[in-house]
Protein backbone atom coordinates (compact mmCIF):
# COMPACT_ATOMS: atom_id res chain seq x y z
CA MET A 1 0.00 0.00 0.00
CA GLN A 2 1.43 3.37 -0.98
CA ILE A 3 0.57 6.63 0.77
CA GLU A 4 1.57 10.25 0.28
CA PHE A 5 0.92 12.96 2.85
CA GLU A 6 2.13 16.37 3.97
CA SER A 7 3.12 17.13 7.53
CA ALA A 8 4.75 19.82 9.60
CA VAL A 9 7.90 18.50 11.28
CA THR A 10 7.45 18.38 15.05
CA ARG A 11 9.88 17.79 17.91
CA TRP A 12 9.14 15.41 20.79
CA GLU A 13 10.83 16.91 23.80
CA LYS A 14 10.08 14.26 26.40
CA ARG A 15 13.64 12.99 26.08
CA VAL A 16 16.97 14.76 26.44
CA ASP A 17 17.87 13.87 22.86
CA SER A 18 15.26 15.45 20.59
CA TRP A 19 13.26 13.22 18.28
CA PHE A 20 11.53 14.66 15.20
CA PHE A 21 8.42 13.31 13.53
CA ALA A 22 6.08 13.72 10.57
CA THR A 23 2.46 13.03 11.55
CA MET A 24 0.08 11.25 9.21
CA PRO A 25 -3.44 12.78 8.91
CA ALA A 26 -5.78 11.36 11.57
CA GLU A 27 -8.34 10.08 9.02
CA LEU A 28 -5.68 8.12 7.16
CA SER A 29 -4.30 6.77 10.43
CA VAL A 30 -7.73 5.48 11.42
CA GLU A 31 -8.03 3.69 8.07
CA LEU A 32 -4.63 2.04 8.58
CA ARG A 33 -5.54 0.95 12.12
CA GLU A 34 -8.65 -0.81 10.75
CA LEU A 35 -6.73 -2.89 8.20
CA PRO A 36 -5.51 -6.35 9.24
CA SER A 37 -1.77 -6.41 9.84
CA PRO A 38 0.68 -8.58 11.78
CA PRO A 39 1.07 -7.64 15.46
CA ARG A 40 4.26 -5.62 16.04
CA GLY A 41 5.67 -3.77 19.02
CA PHE A 42 3.99 -0.46 19.93
CA GLY A 43 1.40 -1.07 17.16
CA SER A 44 4.04 -0.22 14.58
CA LEU A 45 3.97 -0.87 10.85
CA ARG A 46 7.11 -1.39 8.77
CA VAL A 47 7.49 1.08 5.91
CA GLN A 48 9.84 2.28 3.23
CA ALA A 49 9.81 6.07 3.41
CA ARG A 50 10.86 8.71 0.90
CA ILE A 51 11.34 12.42 1.40
CA GLY A 52 12.85 14.14 -1.62
CA ALA A 53 15.72 11.95 -2.86
CA THR A 54 16.19 10.18 0.50
CA ILE A 55 14.74 6.67 0.87
CA TRP A 56 15.00 4.55 4.02
CA SER A 57 13.35 1.64 5.84
CA THR A 58 11.78 2.30 9.23
CA SER A 59 8.49 1.91 11.10
CA ILE A 60 5.58 4.21 11.79
CA PHE A 61 3.99 4.23 15.25
CA PHE A 62 0.47 5.02 16.45
CA ASP A 63 0.63 7.75 19.13
CA GLY A 64 -3.00 7.38 20.21
CA THR A 65 -4.32 9.81 17.62
CA ALA A 66 -2.30 9.27 14.44
CA PHE A 67 0.65 7.39 13.03
CA VAL A 68 3.97 9.20 13.27
CA LEU A 69 7.10 8.74 11.18
CA PRO A 70 10.40 9.26 13.01
CA LEU A 71 12.78 11.47 11.02
CA LYS A 72 16.40 10.44 11.59
CA LYS A 73 19.04 13.12 11.81
CA ALA A 74 20.69 11.82 8.62
CA VAL A 75 17.41 12.20 6.70
CA ARG A 76 16.80 15.70 8.06
CA ALA A 77 20.36 16.75 7.21
CA ALA A 78 20.24 15.26 3.69
CA GLN A 79 16.99 17.08 2.88
CA GLY A 80 17.63 20.29 4.87
CA ILE A 81 14.62 19.63 7.10
CA GLU A 82 14.09 21.79 10.20
CA GLU A 83 11.46 21.78 12.93
CA GLY A 84 8.25 23.39 11.62
CA ASP A 85 8.99 22.70 7.94
CA VAL A 86 6.13 21.22 5.94
CA ILE A 87 7.32 18.14 4.08
CA THR A 88 5.83 15.66 1.63
CA VAL A 89 6.27 12.03 2.65
CA ASP A 90 5.84 8.98 0.43
CA LEU A 91 5.34 5.71 2.31
CA ASP A 92 5.16 2.14 1.09
CA ILE A 93 3.50 0.15 3.89
CA ILE A 94 5.28 -3.21 4.02
CA ASP A 95 3.23 -4.97 6.75
CA LEU A 96 -0.14 -4.93 4.97
């Protein structure tokens, strides 16, 4: 299943080392939660993600409202992504 969405980049500050995320629209997240998928830790789904020319394998996680995509420092640096930027994300959901 392939998905494209736009998201503002947000920082999760509950840890000393900052984590950055792109958040999938809530409606789309609800649809994904309703599809059958193998059980994985934290309700995660394996994905191949693409932002600009950067492609990587990772997982998306349900935060109680929507799925979030962690944005590694290497990805942010390669694409010049900063907190608050609006980015376009292409995801290929592997677990469905």
